[in-house]
Amino acid sequence: MKKINLVLLVIILFNCKGVTEENNSRVEALPYYNDASFTPNWLTNTSDDLIGFHKVPNFSFVNQDGQKVTHETFENKIYITDFFFTSCSGICPKMTANMSLIQEAFINDDEVLLLSHSVTPEKDSVPVLKRYGETKGVISNKWHLVTGDRQQIYDLGRKTYFVEEDLGEFKTDDDFLHTENFVLVDKNKHIRGIYNGLNKTAIQQLIADVKTLKKE
């Protein structure tokens, strides 16, 4: 009787593990996004519809090590990006902690990088970013904390990554950019997902989606 119960327990544990692993991936392939509504476009990576499809444009910043970081830094890389500032005491600490979970998940994976833009670049100098990164466990060349031209950072956030949720609301250059969203970008500079950077479940889904992208 004890042997039978033991067998049943093993079967139950195996099945539970199998269900958990299967639930880690929502779909076999991720959609593509090209506007602030984040309406999914279900295309194959060989589709002609991707010709001229929305991509992250060229950019140039400086990271916490004083190194130049451009679009070429992320050539043939999957990356996760967000927007923060070092003096933020509200949502940013939790966002940074959750970005650290992603860093840990892909710590030995050279195909996956992280990119965090300061939305107060005039205050977040290279030394400030360096100190911040050291206190948060940021690994250089894995996770880039960048500063640079404010206009370029804000244009990327609003017009390229579509990170703000107030869809349709007019923004001026003086309006502050503050959002908890993380954006997933594939090796071809296409946006493949947006996630709440404060939500642990969303972070786990993001990690699963990165693994799905790696299979493309």
Foldseek 3Di string as FASTA:
>chain_A
DVVVVVVVVVVVVVVVVVVVVVVLAPDLAFFFAADLVRDGHDDDPPDPVCVVGAFQDWDWWAFLVRDIDIVVLLAQAKEKEEEEALVDPPLVVLLLLLVVVLCVLCVPPLRYAYEYEYLPLVPCDSPNRNVSCVVSVNDPSRHTYTHDDNVVVVCCCCVRQSQDNPPPDDDDSPDGDDHQKMWIAGNRRTTRDIFRSNDNVRSSSVSSNVVSRVVD
